[in-house]
């Protein structure tokens, strides 16, 4: 009985993050709630298939993602514009600058490729680790890191403008010895 209680506790603990992820996928609060409820019910029915001690977060995110993809295939409708969403869905009430920046970020996220947006949401908004995101997306950790890097770079260009990324010098993380060798060669 302890396994059932542990499973239910993990599921309840994951619900807020699942809700946030579902809202970003569906862009509609009521559809997101339906998606989370459907995914939770499916997880409860399939709890026998889950092995305790494995990555529950990746498992439940994969269920939600697969349900979302299935529902999109069934409905085959046009996506809802994020501008139609209430502002308080994605931000807290605050200064005017915060609201403007939030709108810019949301619009910039709409311009990202779906795979990049998905990784950005899972890791930055959902707090997942690279490994959890890789398992949920059924890809390698390297692919997740690459998509995240590209998404962040694209977001920087879209929000700050292309000139901002050109002005910032990006240096790879290297050791002191390699840095000294590079500087010596430059002289």
N, C-alpha and C. Protein backbone atom coordinates (compact mmCIF):
# COMPACT_ATOMS: atom_id res chain seq x y z
N UNK A 1 0.82 -1.20 0.00
CA UNK A 1 0.00 0.00 0.00
C UNK A 1 0.86 1.25 0.00
N UNK A 2 2.09 1.11 0.54
CA UNK A 2 2.98 2.27 0.60
C UNK A 2 3.35 2.75 -0.80
N UNK A 3 3.47 1.81 -1.75
CA UNK A 3 3.81 2.20 -3.12
C UNK A 3 2.71 3.04 -3.74
N UNK A 4 1.45 2.69 -3.49
CA UNK A 4 0.33 3.46 -4.03
C UNK A 4 0.33 4.86 -3.44
N UNK A 5 0.58 4.95 -2.12
CA UNK A 5 0.62 6.26 -1.47
C UNK A 5 1.78 7.09 -1.99
N UNK A 6 2.95 6.47 -2.18
CA UNK A 6 4.11 7.18 -2.72
C UNK A 6 3.83 7.67 -4.14
N UNK A 7 3.21 6.80 -4.93
CA UNK A 7 2.88 7.17 -6.30
C UNK A 7 1.92 8.36 -6.33
N UNK A 8 0.88 8.31 -5.51
CA UNK A 8 -0.09 9.40 -5.48
C UNK A 8 0.55 10.69 -4.99
N UNK A 9 1.45 10.61 -4.03
CA UNK A 9 2.14 11.81 -3.53
C UNK A 9 3.01 12.42 -4.64
N UNK A 10 3.74 11.56 -5.38
CA UNK A 10 4.56 12.08 -6.48
C UNK A 10 3.68 12.74 -7.54
N UNK A 11 2.53 12.15 -7.82
CA UNK A 11 1.62 12.70 -8.81
C UNK A 11 1.08 14.05 -8.37
N UNK A 12 0.64 14.14 -7.13
CA UNK A 12 0.11 15.41 -6.61
C UNK A 12 1.20 16.48 -6.60
N UNK A 13 2.43 16.12 -6.24
CA UNK A 13 3.54 17.07 -6.22
C UNK A 13 3.87 17.58 -7.63
N UNK A 14 3.65 16.76 -8.64
CA UNK A 14 3.98 17.14 -10.01
C UNK A 14 2.88 17.98 -10.68
N UNK A 15 1.69 18.01 -10.13
CA UNK A 15 0.55 18.68 -10.78
C UNK A 15 0.78 20.16 -11.09
N UNK A 16 1.34 20.98 -10.19
CA UNK A 16 1.52 22.40 -10.55
C UNK A 16 2.44 22.60 -11.77
N UNK A 17 3.53 21.84 -11.82
CA UNK A 17 4.44 21.97 -12.97
C UNK A 17 3.81 21.42 -14.23
N UNK A 18 3.04 20.35 -14.10
CA UNK A 18 2.32 19.81 -15.25
C UNK A 18 1.31 20.82 -15.78
N UNK A 19 0.62 21.51 -14.86
CA UNK A 19 -0.36 22.52 -15.25
C UNK A 19 0.32 23.64 -16.04
N UNK A 20 1.47 24.12 -15.55
CA UNK A 20 2.19 25.19 -16.24
C UNK A 20 2.64 24.73 -17.63
N UNK A 21 3.13 23.52 -17.71
CA UNK A 21 3.57 22.98 -19.00
C UNK A 21 2.39 22.82 -19.95
N UNK A 22 1.26 22.35 -19.42
CA UNK A 22 0.07 22.16 -20.26
C UNK A 22 -0.46 23.49 -20.77
N UNK A 23 -0.39 24.55 -19.94
CA UNK A 23 -0.85 25.87 -20.38
C UNK A 23 0.03 26.38 -21.52
N UNK A 24 1.33 26.17 -21.43
CA UNK A 24 2.20 26.64 -22.52
C UNK A 24 1.98 25.84 -23.80
N UNK A 25 1.62 24.57 -23.66
CA UNK A 25 1.35 23.77 -24.85
C UNK A 25 0.02 24.14 -25.49
N UNK A 26 -1.03 24.21 -24.69
CA UNK A 26 -2.38 24.42 -25.23
C UNK A 26 -2.72 25.88 -25.42
N UNK A 27 -2.12 26.74 -24.59
CA UNK A 27 -2.39 28.18 -24.61
C UNK A 27 -3.85 28.49 -24.30
N UNK A 28 -4.45 27.60 -23.53
CA UNK A 28 -5.83 27.78 -23.10
C UNK A 28 -5.96 27.10 -21.75
N UNK A 29 -6.35 27.88 -20.76
CA UNK A 29 -6.38 27.37 -19.38
C UNK A 29 -7.32 26.18 -19.23
N UNK A 30 -8.50 26.23 -19.80
CA UNK A 30 -9.45 25.13 -19.62
C UNK A 30 -8.98 23.87 -20.35
N UNK A 31 -8.41 24.03 -21.53
CA UNK A 31 -7.87 22.87 -22.24
C UNK A 31 -6.68 22.29 -21.48
N UNK A 32 -5.88 23.16 -20.87
CA UNK A 32 -4.73 22.70 -20.09
C UNK A 32 -5.20 21.89 -18.89
N UNK A 33 -6.25 22.36 -18.21
CA UNK A 33 -6.79 21.63 -17.07
C UNK A 33 -7.30 20.25 -17.50
N UNK A 34 -7.99 20.22 -18.65
CA UNK A 34 -8.47 18.94 -19.17
C UNK A 34 -7.31 18.01 -19.49
N UNK A 35 -6.26 18.56 -20.08
CA UNK A 35 -5.09 17.77 -20.45
C UNK A 35 -4.40 17.21 -19.20
N UNK A 36 -4.26 18.03 -18.17
CA UNK A 36 -3.63 17.58 -16.93
C UNK A 36 -4.49 16.49 -16.27
N UNK A 37 -5.80 16.71 -16.25
CA UNK A 37 -6.70 15.72 -15.64
C UNK A 37 -6.64 14.40 -16.41
N UNK A 38 -6.66 14.48 -17.72
CA UNK A 38 -6.59 13.27 -18.54
C UNK A 38 -5.27 12.54 -18.31
N UNK A 39 -4.17 13.30 -18.24
CA UNK A 39 -2.86 12.70 -18.03
C UNK A 39 -2.74 12.08 -16.65
N UNK A 40 -3.29 12.75 -15.64
CA UNK A 40 -3.26 12.20 -14.28
C UNK A 40 -4.06 10.91 -14.20
N UNK A 41 -5.21 10.90 -14.83
CA UNK A 41 -6.04 9.68 -14.83
C UNK A 41 -5.32 8.54 -15.56
N UNK A 42 -4.69 8.87 -16.67
CA UNK A 42 -3.95 7.85 -17.42
C UNK A 42 -2.78 7.33 -16.59
N UNK A 43 -2.10 8.22 -15.88
CA UNK A 43 -0.98 7.81 -15.03
C UNK A 43 -1.47 6.90 -13.90
N UNK A 44 -2.62 7.23 -13.31
CA UNK A 44 -3.17 6.39 -12.25
C UNK A 44 -3.53 5.00 -12.77
N UNK A 45 -4.10 4.97 -13.97
CA UNK A 45 -4.43 3.66 -14.56
C UNK A 45 -3.19 2.85 -14.90
N UNK A 46 -2.10 3.55 -15.23
CA UNK A 46 -0.87 2.87 -15.67
C UNK A 46 0.18 2.80 -14.56
N UNK A 47 -0.21 3.04 -13.31
CA UNK A 47 0.79 3.09 -12.22
C UNK A 47 1.50 1.76 -12.04
N UNK A 48 0.88 0.67 -12.45
CA UNK A 48 1.52 -0.65 -12.36
C UNK A 48 2.73 -0.71 -13.28
N UNK A 49 2.68 0.01 -14.40
CA UNK A 49 3.78 0.01 -15.35
C UNK A 49 4.96 0.85 -14.87
N UNK A 50 4.72 1.79 -13.95
CA UNK A 50 5.79 2.64 -13.44
C UNK A 50 6.58 1.88 -12.38
N UNK A 51 7.89 1.94 -12.51
CA UNK A 51 8.76 1.29 -11.53
C UNK A 51 9.27 2.33 -10.55
N UNK A 52 8.97 2.14 -9.28
CA UNK A 52 9.41 3.08 -8.25
C UNK A 52 10.94 3.16 -8.28
N UNK A 53 11.43 4.37 -8.09
CA UNK A 53 12.88 4.61 -8.12
C UNK A 53 13.36 5.10 -9.46
N UNK A 54 12.50 5.05 -10.48
CA UNK A 54 12.88 5.59 -11.79
C UNK A 54 12.39 7.03 -11.88
N UNK A 55 12.62 7.66 -13.00
CA UNK A 55 12.34 9.08 -13.19
C UNK A 55 10.84 9.32 -13.38
N UNK A 56 10.14 9.62 -12.30
CA UNK A 56 8.70 9.86 -12.36
C UNK A 56 8.37 11.11 -13.17
N UNK A 57 9.16 12.18 -12.98
CA UNK A 57 8.89 13.44 -13.67
C UNK A 57 8.93 13.24 -15.19
N UNK A 58 9.96 12.59 -15.67
CA UNK A 58 10.05 12.33 -17.11
C UNK A 58 8.90 11.47 -17.61
N UNK A 59 8.51 10.49 -16.81
CA UNK A 59 7.42 9.58 -17.18
C UNK A 59 6.10 10.34 -17.30
N UNK A 60 5.78 11.17 -16.30
CA UNK A 60 4.48 11.87 -16.31
C UNK A 60 4.47 12.97 -17.38
N UNK A 61 5.62 13.64 -17.59
CA UNK A 61 5.69 14.65 -18.66
C UNK A 61 5.49 14.00 -20.02
N UNK A 62 6.04 12.80 -20.21
CA UNK A 62 5.87 12.11 -21.48
C UNK A 62 4.40 11.76 -21.70
N UNK A 63 3.72 11.33 -20.65
CA UNK A 63 2.29 11.02 -20.77
C UNK A 63 1.53 12.28 -21.19
N UNK A 64 1.79 13.41 -20.52
CA UNK A 64 1.10 14.66 -20.85
C UNK A 64 1.40 15.09 -22.28
N UNK A 65 2.68 15.03 -22.66
CA UNK A 65 3.07 15.43 -24.01
C UNK A 65 2.41 14.55 -25.07
N UNK A 66 2.39 13.25 -24.84
CA UNK A 66 1.76 12.33 -25.79
C UNK A 66 0.26 12.58 -25.89
N UNK A 67 -0.39 12.87 -24.76
CA UNK A 67 -1.82 13.20 -24.79
C UNK A 67 -2.06 14.48 -25.56
N UNK A 68 -1.18 15.47 -25.39
CA UNK A 68 -1.32 16.73 -26.12
C UNK A 68 -1.19 16.49 -27.63
N UNK A 69 -0.18 15.73 -28.02
CA UNK A 69 0.03 15.44 -29.44
C UNK A 69 -1.17 14.69 -30.01
N UNK A 70 -1.68 13.73 -29.27
CA UNK A 70 -2.86 12.98 -29.74
C UNK A 70 -4.07 13.89 -29.89
N UNK A 71 -4.26 14.80 -28.93
CA UNK A 71 -5.41 15.70 -29.03
C UNK A 71 -5.26 16.66 -30.21
N UNK A 72 -4.04 17.12 -30.48
CA UNK A 72 -3.81 18.00 -31.64
C UNK A 72 -4.11 17.26 -32.94
N UNK A 73 -3.70 16.03 -33.00
CA UNK A 73 -3.98 15.24 -34.21
C UNK A 73 -5.48 15.04 -34.40
N UNK A 74 -6.19 14.81 -33.29
CA UNK A 74 -7.63 14.61 -33.38
C UNK A 74 -8.35 15.90 -33.78
N UNK A 75 -7.99 16.99 -33.16
CA UNK A 75 -8.73 18.23 -33.41
C UNK A 75 -8.33 18.88 -34.74
N UNK A 76 -7.05 18.79 -35.08
CA UNK A 76 -6.55 19.33 -36.34
C UNK A 76 -7.04 20.77 -36.57
N UNK A 77 -6.87 21.60 -35.56
CA UNK A 77 -7.33 22.99 -35.66
C UNK A 77 -6.13 23.94 -35.59
N UNK A 78 -6.38 25.20 -35.89
CA UNK A 78 -5.34 26.22 -35.86
C UNK A 78 -4.96 26.54 -34.42
N UNK A 79 -3.68 26.85 -34.17
CA UNK A 79 -3.27 27.17 -32.80
C UNK A 79 -3.87 28.48 -32.32
N UNK A 80 -4.06 28.58 -31.03
CA UNK A 80 -4.58 29.79 -30.41
C UNK A 80 -3.43 30.76 -30.20
N UNK A 81 -3.64 32.00 -30.54
CA UNK A 81 -2.61 33.02 -30.37
C UNK A 81 -2.42 33.32 -28.89
N UNK A 82 -1.18 33.46 -28.46
CA UNK A 82 -0.91 33.72 -27.05
C UNK A 82 -1.36 35.11 -26.64
N UNK A 83 -1.57 36.00 -27.60
CA UNK A 83 -2.06 37.34 -27.27
C UNK A 83 -3.48 37.29 -26.70
N UNK A 84 -4.20 36.20 -27.00
CA UNK A 84 -5.56 36.06 -26.51
C UNK A 84 -5.61 35.59 -25.05
N UNK A 85 -4.47 35.17 -24.52
CA UNK A 85 -4.41 34.70 -23.14
C UNK A 85 -4.41 35.88 -22.17
N UNK A 86 -5.04 35.74 -21.04
CA UNK A 86 -4.98 36.81 -20.03
C UNK A 86 -3.53 36.99 -19.56
N UNK A 87 -3.14 38.23 -19.33
CA UNK A 87 -1.76 38.52 -18.95
C UNK A 87 -1.35 37.84 -17.66
N UNK A 88 -2.28 37.72 -16.72
CA UNK A 88 -1.93 37.15 -15.42
C UNK A 88 -1.62 35.66 -15.51
N UNK A 89 -1.86 35.02 -16.65
CA UNK A 89 -1.53 33.62 -16.83
C UNK A 89 -0.02 33.42 -16.80
N UNK A 90 0.73 34.34 -17.37
CA UNK A 90 2.16 34.17 -17.53
C UNK A 90 2.99 35.11 -16.67
N UNK A 91 2.38 36.04 -15.98
CA UNK A 91 3.18 36.98 -15.19
C UNK A 91 2.44 37.38 -13.92
N UNK A 92 3.18 37.89 -13.00
CA UNK A 92 2.60 38.43 -11.78
C UNK A 92 2.34 39.91 -12.00
N UNK A 93 1.40 40.44 -11.27
CA UNK A 93 1.15 41.86 -11.40
C UNK A 93 2.39 42.59 -10.89
N UNK A 94 2.81 43.58 -11.63
CA UNK A 94 4.02 44.30 -11.26
C UNK A 94 4.11 45.59 -12.04
N UNK A 95 5.30 46.04 -12.23
CA UNK A 95 5.52 47.29 -12.95
C UNK A 95 5.17 47.14 -14.42
N UNK A 96 4.98 48.25 -15.06
CA UNK A 96 4.65 48.28 -16.48
C UNK A 96 5.76 47.63 -17.30
N UNK A 97 7.00 47.85 -16.91
CA UNK A 97 8.13 47.29 -17.65
C UNK A 97 8.08 45.76 -17.65
N UNK A 98 7.69 45.18 -16.53
CA UNK A 98 7.60 43.73 -16.46
C UNK A 98 6.55 43.19 -17.42
N UNK A 99 5.42 43.88 -17.51
CA UNK A 99 4.35 43.44 -18.41
C UNK A 99 4.78 43.55 -19.87
N UNK A 100 5.48 44.62 -20.20
CA UNK A 100 5.96 44.79 -21.57
C UNK A 100 6.98 43.72 -21.91
N UNK A 101 7.93 43.49 -21.01
CA UNK A 101 8.94 42.47 -21.24
C UNK A 101 8.31 41.08 -21.36
N UNK A 102 7.32 40.80 -20.54
CA UNK A 102 6.64 39.51 -20.60
C UNK A 102 5.98 39.32 -21.95
N UNK A 103 5.31 40.36 -22.45
CA UNK A 103 4.69 40.27 -23.77
C UNK A 103 5.74 40.02 -24.85
N UNK A 104 6.88 40.70 -24.74
CA UNK A 104 7.95 40.50 -25.71
C UNK A 104 8.49 39.07 -25.65
N UNK A 105 8.64 38.54 -24.45
CA UNK A 105 9.14 37.17 -24.29
C UNK A 105 8.15 36.18 -24.89
N UNK A 106 6.88 36.35 -24.61
CA UNK A 106 5.86 35.44 -25.14
C UNK A 106 5.83 35.50 -26.67
N UNK A 107 5.89 36.69 -27.22
CA UNK A 107 5.90 36.82 -28.68
C UNK A 107 7.17 36.19 -29.26
N UNK A 108 8.29 36.38 -28.59
CA UNK A 108 9.55 35.79 -29.06
C UNK A 108 9.48 34.27 -28.99
N UNK A 109 8.87 33.74 -27.94
CA UNK A 109 8.74 32.28 -27.82
C UNK A 109 7.89 31.70 -28.93
N UNK A 110 6.90 32.46 -29.39
CA UNK A 110 6.06 32.00 -30.51
C UNK A 110 6.88 31.84 -31.79
N UNK A 111 7.98 32.56 -31.89
CA UNK A 111 8.80 32.51 -33.10
C UNK A 111 9.84 31.39 -33.06
N UNK A 112 10.00 30.76 -31.91
CA UNK A 112 10.94 29.65 -31.79
C UNK A 112 10.39 28.40 -32.46
N UNK A 113 11.29 27.53 -32.86
CA UNK A 113 10.85 26.22 -33.34
C UNK A 113 10.20 25.48 -32.18
N UNK A 114 9.25 24.62 -32.50
CA UNK A 114 8.50 23.92 -31.45
C UNK A 114 9.44 23.14 -30.52
N UNK A 115 10.43 22.45 -31.08
CA UNK A 115 11.33 21.64 -30.26
C UNK A 115 12.15 22.52 -29.33
N UNK A 116 12.57 23.70 -29.79
CA UNK A 116 13.34 24.61 -28.95
C UNK A 116 12.46 25.20 -27.86
N UNK A 117 11.25 25.60 -28.21
CA UNK A 117 10.33 26.18 -27.23
C UNK A 117 10.00 25.16 -26.15
N UNK A 118 9.80 23.93 -26.56
CA UNK A 118 9.45 22.88 -25.62
C UNK A 118 10.56 22.64 -24.59
N UNK A 119 11.80 22.57 -25.07
CA UNK A 119 12.94 22.37 -24.16
C UNK A 119 13.11 23.58 -23.25
N UNK A 120 12.97 24.77 -23.79
CA UNK A 120 13.09 26.00 -22.99
C UNK A 120 12.05 26.01 -21.87
N UNK A 121 10.85 25.63 -22.17
CA UNK A 121 9.78 25.61 -21.16
C UNK A 121 10.05 24.53 -20.11
N UNK A 122 10.43 23.35 -20.55
CA UNK A 122 10.66 22.26 -19.61
C UNK A 122 11.77 22.59 -18.62
N UNK A 123 12.86 23.14 -19.13
CA UNK A 123 14.02 23.37 -18.26
C UNK A 123 13.92 24.69 -17.52
N UNK A 124 13.61 25.76 -18.21
CA UNK A 124 13.60 27.08 -17.57
C UNK A 124 12.34 27.32 -16.75
N UNK A 125 11.20 26.97 -17.27
CA UNK A 125 9.95 27.23 -16.55
C UNK A 125 9.55 26.05 -15.67
N UNK A 126 9.77 24.84 -16.17
CA UNK A 126 9.35 23.66 -15.43
C UNK A 126 10.36 23.17 -14.42
N UNK A 127 11.60 23.65 -14.50
CA UNK A 127 12.62 23.26 -13.53
C UNK A 127 13.13 21.85 -13.69
N UNK A 128 12.95 21.28 -14.87
CA UNK A 128 13.43 19.92 -15.09
C UNK A 128 14.93 19.92 -15.32
N UNK A 129 15.57 18.81 -15.03
CA UNK A 129 16.99 18.65 -15.33
C UNK A 129 17.13 18.26 -16.80
N UNK A 130 18.35 18.33 -17.30
CA UNK A 130 18.58 17.93 -18.69
C UNK A 130 18.17 16.47 -18.90
N UNK A 131 18.49 15.63 -17.94
CA UNK A 131 18.19 14.20 -18.05
C UNK A 131 16.67 13.96 -18.06
N UNK A 132 15.94 14.67 -17.19
CA UNK A 132 14.49 14.51 -17.15
C UNK A 132 13.86 14.98 -18.45
N UNK A 133 14.33 16.09 -18.98
CA UNK A 133 13.79 16.60 -20.24
C UNK A 133 14.11 15.63 -21.38
N UNK A 134 15.33 15.10 -21.38
CA UNK A 134 15.72 14.15 -22.43
C UNK A 134 14.84 12.92 -22.39
N UNK A 135 14.54 12.43 -21.20
CA UNK A 135 13.68 11.25 -21.09
C UNK A 135 12.26 11.58 -21.54
N UNK A 136 11.76 12.74 -21.14
CA UNK A 136 10.39 13.12 -21.52
C UNK A 136 10.26 13.30 -23.02
N UNK A 137 11.32 13.81 -23.67
CA UNK A 137 11.28 14.07 -25.11
C UNK A 137 11.81 12.90 -25.93
N UNK A 138 12.30 11.89 -25.24
CA UNK A 138 12.86 10.70 -25.88
C UNK A 138 13.98 11.07 -26.84
N UNK A 139 14.95 11.83 -26.31
CA UNK A 139 16.13 12.19 -27.10
C UNK A 139 17.32 12.20 -26.16
N UNK A 140 18.50 12.47 -26.68
CA UNK A 140 19.70 12.46 -25.86
C UNK A 140 19.84 13.76 -25.07
N UNK A 141 20.64 13.70 -24.02
CA UNK A 141 20.90 14.89 -23.20
C UNK A 141 21.61 15.94 -24.05
N UNK A 142 22.49 15.51 -24.94
CA UNK A 142 23.19 16.45 -25.83
C UNK A 142 22.22 17.21 -26.73
N UNK A 143 21.21 16.52 -27.21
CA UNK A 143 20.19 17.16 -28.04
C UNK A 143 19.42 18.20 -27.24
N UNK A 144 19.10 17.87 -26.00
CA UNK A 144 18.39 18.82 -25.13
C UNK A 144 19.24 20.05 -24.90
N UNK A 145 20.52 19.85 -24.60
CA UNK A 145 21.42 20.98 -24.36
C UNK A 145 21.57 21.84 -25.61
N UNK A 146 21.68 21.21 -26.75
CA UNK A 146 21.81 21.94 -28.01
C UNK A 146 20.56 22.76 -28.31
N UNK A 147 19.39 22.14 -28.15
CA UNK A 147 18.14 22.86 -28.39
C UNK A 147 17.97 24.03 -27.43
N UNK A 148 18.36 23.81 -26.17
CA UNK A 148 18.24 24.87 -25.17
C UNK A 148 19.18 26.02 -25.50
N UNK A 149 20.41 25.71 -25.90
CA UNK A 149 21.37 26.76 -26.26
C UNK A 149 20.84 27.57 -27.44
N UNK A 150 20.34 26.88 -28.45
CA UNK A 150 19.80 27.57 -29.63
C UNK A 150 18.56 28.40 -29.27
N UNK A 151 17.72 27.87 -28.40
CA UNK A 151 16.52 28.61 -27.98
C UNK A 151 16.91 29.87 -27.23
N UNK A 152 17.86 29.76 -26.32
CA UNK A 152 18.29 30.93 -25.56
C UNK A 152 18.93 31.96 -26.48
N UNK A 153 19.73 31.52 -27.40
CA UNK A 153 20.39 32.42 -28.35
C UNK A 153 19.35 33.14 -29.22
N UNK A 154 18.38 32.37 -29.71
CA UNK A 154 17.32 32.93 -30.54
C UNK A 154 16.49 33.94 -29.74
N UNK A 155 16.18 33.60 -28.49
CA UNK A 155 15.42 34.52 -27.63
C UNK A 155 16.19 35.82 -27.43
N UNK A 156 17.49 35.71 -27.22
CA UNK A 156 18.32 36.91 -27.04
C UNK A 156 18.26 37.79 -28.28
N UNK A 157 18.36 37.17 -29.44
CA UNK A 157 18.31 37.95 -30.68
C UNK A 157 16.94 38.58 -30.90
N UNK A 158 15.88 37.84 -30.58
CA UNK A 158 14.53 38.36 -30.79
C UNK A 158 14.19 39.47 -29.81
N UNK A 159 14.64 39.36 -28.58
CA UNK A 159 14.28 40.36 -27.57
C UNK A 159 15.25 41.53 -27.57
N UNK A 160 16.53 41.25 -27.61
CA UNK A 160 17.53 42.31 -27.52
C UNK A 160 17.91 42.89 -28.88
N UNK A 161 17.57 42.20 -29.93
CA UNK A 161 17.94 42.64 -31.27
C UNK A 161 19.23 41.98 -31.71
N UNK A 162 19.43 41.87 -32.99
CA UNK A 162 20.60 41.18 -33.52
C UNK A 162 21.89 41.87 -33.11
N UNK A 163 21.87 43.19 -33.01
CA UNK A 163 23.10 43.91 -32.67
C UNK A 163 23.58 43.57 -31.27
N UNK A 164 22.66 43.20 -30.35
CA UNK A 164 23.07 42.88 -28.98
C UNK A 164 23.94 41.64 -28.95
N UNK A 165 23.57 40.63 -29.74
CA UNK A 165 24.37 39.41 -29.74
C UNK A 165 25.69 39.62 -30.46
N UNK A 166 25.72 40.54 -31.40
CA UNK A 166 26.97 40.82 -32.10
C UNK A 166 27.93 41.61 -31.21
N UNK A 167 27.40 42.44 -30.32
CA UNK A 167 28.25 43.25 -29.45
C UNK A 167 28.81 42.44 -28.30
N UNK A 168 28.08 41.44 -27.84
CA UNK A 168 28.54 40.63 -26.72
C UNK A 168 29.51 39.59 -27.23
N UNK A 169 30.70 39.57 -26.61
CA UNK A 169 31.70 38.59 -27.01
C UNK A 169 31.43 37.32 -26.24
N UNK A 170 31.19 36.23 -26.96
CA UNK A 170 30.92 34.96 -26.33
C UNK A 170 32.20 34.15 -26.33
N UNK A 171 32.68 33.85 -25.14
CA UNK A 171 33.89 33.04 -25.01
C UNK A 171 33.51 31.67 -24.47
N UNK A 172 34.07 30.64 -25.08
CA UNK A 172 33.79 29.32 -24.55
C UNK A 172 34.48 29.14 -23.20
N UNK A 173 33.95 28.24 -22.39
CA UNK A 173 34.54 27.97 -21.09
C UNK A 173 35.80 27.15 -21.29
N UNK A 174 36.95 27.79 -21.10
CA UNK A 174 38.23 27.11 -21.26
C UNK A 174 39.08 27.39 -20.04
N UNK A 175 40.10 26.58 -19.87
CA UNK A 175 40.98 26.72 -18.73
C UNK A 175 41.98 27.85 -18.91
N UNK A 176 42.71 28.15 -17.84
CA UNK A 176 43.69 29.24 -17.88
C UNK A 176 44.81 28.94 -18.87
N UNK A 177 45.24 27.68 -18.93
CA UNK A 177 46.34 27.32 -19.83
C UNK A 177 45.94 27.57 -21.28
N UNK A 178 44.74 27.12 -21.66
CA UNK A 178 44.28 27.32 -23.03
C UNK A 178 44.11 28.80 -23.34
N UNK A 179 43.62 29.58 -22.36
CA UNK A 179 43.45 31.01 -22.56
C UNK A 179 44.80 31.68 -22.78
N UNK A 180 45.81 31.28 -21.99
CA UNK A 180 47.15 31.85 -22.15
C UNK A 180 47.73 31.50 -23.51
N UNK A 181 47.50 30.28 -24.00
CA UNK A 181 47.99 29.88 -25.31
C UNK A 181 47.33 30.70 -26.41
N UNK A 182 46.04 30.92 -26.28
CA UNK A 182 45.32 31.71 -27.28
C UNK A 182 45.83 33.14 -27.30
N UNK A 183 46.01 33.74 -26.13
CA UNK A 183 46.52 35.11 -26.04
C UNK A 183 47.94 35.20 -26.56
N UNK A 184 48.77 34.17 -26.31
CA UNK A 184 50.15 34.17 -26.81
C UNK A 184 50.19 34.11 -28.33
N UNK A 185 49.30 33.29 -28.92
CA UNK A 185 49.24 33.19 -30.38
C UNK A 185 48.76 34.49 -31.00
N UNK A 186 47.88 35.21 -30.30
CA UNK A 186 47.33 36.45 -30.83
C UNK A 186 48.39 37.57 -30.88
N UNK A 187 49.45 37.48 -30.05
CA UNK A 187 50.47 38.52 -30.01
C UNK A 187 51.41 38.38 -31.12
